[in-house]
Amino acid sequence: QVQLVESGGGLVQPGGSLRLSCEASGFTFSSHSMRWYRQSPRKEREFVAGITSTGETTAYSNSVKGRFTISRDNEKNTVSLQMNSLKPEDTAVYLCHLPNSGVGYWGQGTQVTVSL
């Protein structure tokens, strides 16, 4: 079955960096686009970044554009999110998402906290 396992979250000071990874299994990873979302208390789940199956095309929310970079390794079945210049408002649980015709598949998430 499809499994998405995120890692790399943690506590970081404003202006710092983190790199999140999502290890995928149970499907043909190289055939599917992938996305990162984030969820913080009292807010709706928010799209962060997406990448096509080949990695040729990426998309970002306006709130992270220029600071975050999504990438993938189709040999290792992983999708990553490099996050630079982090701000307190980036604090959230970050979730890896495999879209499909239904609700798609979600990982369990990894917590990112940006604070002094």
C-alpha atoms as a PDB file:
ATOM      1  CA  GLN A   1       0.000   0.000   0.000  1.00  0.00           C
ATOM      2  CA  VAL A   2       1.020   3.610  -0.410  1.00  0.00           C
ATOM      3  CA  GLN A   3       3.250   4.919   2.353  1.00  0.00           C
ATOM      4  CA  LEU A   4       4.633   8.421   2.744  1.00  0.00           C
ATOM      5  CA  VAL A   5       7.043   9.011   5.615  1.00  0.00           C
ATOM      6  CA  GLU A   6       8.255  12.529   6.364  1.00  0.00           C
ATOM      7  CA  SER A   7      11.350  13.420   8.330  1.00  0.00           C
ATOM      8  CA  GLY A   8      13.633  16.366   9.010  1.00  0.00           C
ATOM      9  CA  GLY A   9      11.418  18.621  11.080  1.00  0.00           C
ATOM     10  CA  GLY A  10      12.535  20.305  14.275  1.00  0.00           C
ATOM     11  CA  LEU A  11      13.074  23.558  16.125  1.00  0.00           C
ATOM     12  CA  VAL A  12      14.971  26.305  14.328  1.00  0.00           C
ATOM     13  CA  GLN A  13      15.560  29.984  14.952  1.00  0.00           C
ATOM     14  CA  PRO A  14      14.143  32.630  12.611  1.00  0.00           C
ATOM     15  CA  GLY A  15      16.370  32.981   9.583  1.00  0.00           C
ATOM     16  CA  GLY A  16      17.524  29.388   9.833  1.00  0.00           C
ATOM     17  CA  SER A  17      17.130  26.450   7.470  1.00  0.00           C
ATOM     18  CA  LEU A  18      15.708  22.951   7.499  1.00  0.00           C
ATOM     19  CA  ARG A  19      15.471  20.217   4.909  1.00  0.00           C
ATOM     20  CA  LEU A  20      12.442  17.952   4.957  1.00  0.00           C
ATOM     21  CA  SER A  21      12.309  14.593   3.225  1.00  0.00           C
ATOM     22  CA  CYS A  22       9.461  12.307   2.281  1.00  0.00           C
ATOM     23  CA  GLU A  23      10.207   8.679   1.542  1.00  0.00           C
ATOM     24  CA  ALA A  24       7.570   7.070  -0.662  1.00  0.00           C
ATOM     25  CA  SER A  25       6.698   3.433  -1.265  1.00  0.00           C
ATOM     26  CA  GLY A  26       3.873   1.291  -2.579  1.00  0.00           C
ATOM     27  CA  PHE A  27       3.480   2.972  -5.955  1.00  0.00           C
ATOM     28  CA  THR A  28       5.496   3.935  -9.032  1.00  0.00           C
ATOM     29  CA  PHE A  29       7.005   7.094  -7.631  1.00  0.00           C
ATOM     30  CA  SER A  30       8.538   8.325 -10.890  1.00  0.00           C
ATOM     31  CA  SER A  31       5.095   8.455 -12.533  1.00  0.00           C
ATOM     32  CA  HIS A  32       3.479  10.842 -10.091  1.00  0.00           C
ATOM     33  CA  SER A  33       3.673  14.469  -9.160  1.00  0.00           C
ATOM     34  CA  MET A  34       4.141  15.167  -5.464  1.00  0.00           C
ATOM     35  CA  ARG A  35       3.232  18.013  -3.144  1.00  0.00           C
ATOM     36  CA  TRP A  36       4.011  19.444   0.259  1.00  0.00           C
ATOM     37  CA  TYR A  37       1.325  21.005   2.431  1.00  0.00           C
ATOM     38  CA  ARG A  38       1.381  22.456   5.909  1.00  0.00           C
ATOM     39  CA  GLN A  39      -1.139  22.621   8.723  1.00  0.00           C
ATOM     40  CA  SER A  40      -0.995  24.931  11.697  1.00  0.00           C
ATOM     41  CA  PRO A  41      -3.498  25.365  14.535  1.00  0.00           C
ATOM     42  CA  ARG A  42      -6.564  27.428  13.665  1.00  0.00           C
ATOM     43  CA  LYS A  43      -5.611  27.467   9.984  1.00  0.00           C
ATOM     44  CA  GLU A  44      -6.721  25.430   7.009  1.00  0.00           C
ATOM     45  CA  ARG A  45      -4.275  23.036   5.401  1.00  0.00           C
ATOM     46  CA  GLU A  46      -2.170  25.092   3.017  1.00  0.00           C
ATOM     47  CA  PHE A  47      -0.433  24.121  -0.219  1.00  0.00           C
ATOM     48  CA  VAL A  48       3.306  24.818   0.012  1.00  0.00           C
ATOM     49  CA  ALA A  49       4.999  23.368  -3.072  1.00  0.00           C
ATOM     50  CA  GLY A  50       4.520  20.863  -5.865  1.00  0.00           C
ATOM     51  CA  ILE A  51       6.716  19.071  -8.375  1.00  0.00           C
ATOM     52  CA  THR A  52       5.927  17.103 -11.511  1.00  0.00           C
ATOM     53  CA  SER A  53       6.886  13.468 -11.968  1.00  0.00           C
ATOM     54  CA  THR A  54      10.109  14.285 -13.813  1.00  0.00           C
ATOM     55  CA  GLY A  55      10.965  17.248 -11.623  1.00  0.00           C
ATOM     56  CA  GLU A  56      10.905  19.591 -14.601  1.00  0.00           C
ATOM     57  CA  THR A  57       8.178  21.831 -13.243  1.00  0.00           C
ATOM     58  CA  THR A  58       7.694  23.148  -9.738  1.00  0.00           C
ATOM     59  CA  ALA A  59       5.147  25.424  -8.106  1.00  0.00           C
ATOM     60  CA  TYR A  60       5.124  27.325  -4.830  1.00  0.00           C
ATOM     61  CA  SER A  61       2.722  29.276  -2.709  1.00  0.00           C
ATOM     62  CA  ASN A  62       3.389  32.999  -2.631  1.00  0.00           C
ATOM     63  CA  SER A  63       4.238  32.783   1.050  1.00  0.00           C
ATOM     64  CA  VAL A  64       7.271  30.544   0.466  1.00  0.00           C
ATOM     65  CA  LYS A  65       8.365  31.463  -3.052  1.00  0.00           C
ATOM     66  CA  GLY A  66      12.026  32.391  -3.131  1.00  0.00           C
ATOM     67  CA  ARG A  67      12.730  30.761   0.238  1.00  0.00           C
ATOM     68  CA  PHE A  68      11.711  27.119  -0.235  1.00  0.00           C
ATOM     69  CA  THR A  69      12.840  24.667  -2.914  1.00  0.00           C
ATOM     70  CA  ILE A  70      11.149  21.371  -3.727  1.00  0.00           C
ATOM     71  CA  SER A  71      13.116  18.588  -5.379  1.00  0.00           C
ATOM     72  CA  ARG A  72      12.897  14.854  -5.951  1.00  0.00           C
ATOM     73  CA  ASP A  73      15.100  11.839  -6.456  1.00  0.00           C
ATOM     74  CA  ASN A  74      13.292   9.218  -8.518  1.00  0.00           C
ATOM     75  CA  GLU A  75      16.051   6.694  -7.865  1.00  0.00           C
ATOM     76  CA  LYS A  76      15.553   6.935  -4.123  1.00  0.00           C
ATOM     77  CA  ASN A  77      11.765   7.553  -4.189  1.00  0.00           C
ATOM     78  CA  THR A  78      12.103  10.701  -2.158  1.00  0.00           C
ATOM     79  CA  VAL A  79      10.801  14.237  -2.409  1.00  0.00           C
ATOM     80  CA  SER A  80      12.482  16.971  -0.411  1.00  0.00           C
ATOM     81  CA  LEU A  81      11.732  20.491   0.711  1.00  0.00           C
ATOM     82  CA  GLN A  82      14.660  22.801   1.397  1.00  0.00           C
ATOM     83  CA  MET A  83      13.460  25.637   3.595  1.00  0.00           C
ATOM     84  CA  ASN A  84      15.624  28.729   4.005  1.00  0.00           C
ATOM     85  CA  SER A  85      15.097  32.080   5.723  1.00  0.00           C
ATOM     86  CA  LEU A  86      12.500  30.522   7.966  1.00  0.00           C
ATOM     87  CA  LYS A  87       9.992  32.748   9.724  1.00  0.00           C
ATOM     88  CA  PRO A  88       7.848  32.142  12.817  1.00  0.00           C
ATOM     89  CA  GLU A  89       4.793  32.008  10.553  1.00  0.00           C
ATOM     90  CA  ASP A  90       6.296  28.939   8.843  1.00  0.00           C
ATOM     91  CA  THR A  91       5.653  26.989  12.048  1.00  0.00           C
ATOM     92  CA  ALA A  92       3.378  24.072  11.155  1.00  0.00           C
ATOM     93  CA  VAL A  93       3.136  20.349  10.595  1.00  0.00           C
ATOM     94  CA  TYR A  94       4.451  19.700   7.096  1.00  0.00           C
ATOM     95  CA  LEU A  95       2.795  16.900   5.159  1.00  0.00           C
ATOM     96  CA  CYS A  96       3.803  15.040   2.042  1.00  0.00           C
ATOM     97  CA  HIS A  97       0.966  14.428  -0.415  1.00  0.00           C
ATOM     98  CA  LEU A  98       0.427  12.116  -3.364  1.00  0.00           C
ATOM     99  CA  PRO A  99      -2.467  13.528  -5.372  1.00  0.00           C
ATOM    100  CA  ASN A 100      -4.829  11.255  -7.258  1.00  0.00           C
ATOM    101  CA  SER A 101      -8.406  11.427  -8.545  1.00  0.00           C
ATOM    102  CA  GLY A 102      -9.757  11.212  -4.995  1.00  0.00           C
ATOM    103  CA  VAL A 103      -8.435  12.718  -1.794  1.00  0.00           C
ATOM    104  CA  GLY A 104      -4.974  11.341  -2.458  1.00  0.00           C
ATOM    105  CA  TYR A 105      -2.551   9.999   0.108  1.00  0.00           C
ATOM    106  CA  TRP A 106      -0.963  11.779   3.049  1.00  0.00           C
ATOM    107  CA  GLY A 107       1.988  11.175   5.287  1.00  0.00           C
ATOM    108  CA  GLN A 108       1.784  11.574   9.044  1.00  0.00           C
ATOM    109  CA  GLY A 109       3.603  14.895   8.945  1.00  0.00           C
ATOM    110  CA  THR A 110       6.694  16.371  10.544  1.00  0.00           C
ATOM    111  CA  GLN A 111       6.619  19.327  12.939  1.00  0.00           C
ATOM    112  CA  VAL A 112       8.550  22.473  12.073  1.00  0.00           C
ATOM    113  CA  THR A 113       8.806  25.116  14.774  1.00  0.00           C
ATOM    114  CA  VAL A 114      10.471  28.460  14.082  1.00  0.00           C
ATOM    115  CA  SER A 115      11.150  30.298  17.313  1.00  0.00           C
ATOM    116  CA  LEU A 116      13.868  31.991  19.340  1.00  0.00           C
END
